[in-house]
Amino acid sequence: MFLYYLPGTAGWSGPFFAGRWARLWNPLIQTSDPSFGVRTNRFGFNVTGTTNLPVVVEASTSLAGPTWVPLQEDLLADGSLYVGDPEWTNSPTRFYRIRSP
């Protein structure tokens, strides 16, 4: 089991904190690389961060709404993960977020 810390958190430099494994929590949706946007009938993007960081990418039609649908749960193998959303055309707006499993 890992403890996760945010970038810039004082006193957390890994790989241990209080005798437990610690890992930087820094997943980020890449909006400026070539994978961002519509490709082969789906909207997609890369998520980058700490290698082997577990993430869940979710989608919603409203930022204020309580319904977030998981799109993909995986590890950032080699620090990167491609996420594709084939359902992106089923609503006029679509929002994405990253959370821990």
Foldseek 3Di string as FASTA:
>chain_A
DEAEDEPPDPPDDDCDDPRGGYDYDDKDWDCPDPQAQDDPQWGKTKIFDDAFAWKWKWKDQDPPDPDTHTQDTGGCHVGMDMTIGNCCVVHPGMDMDMDHD
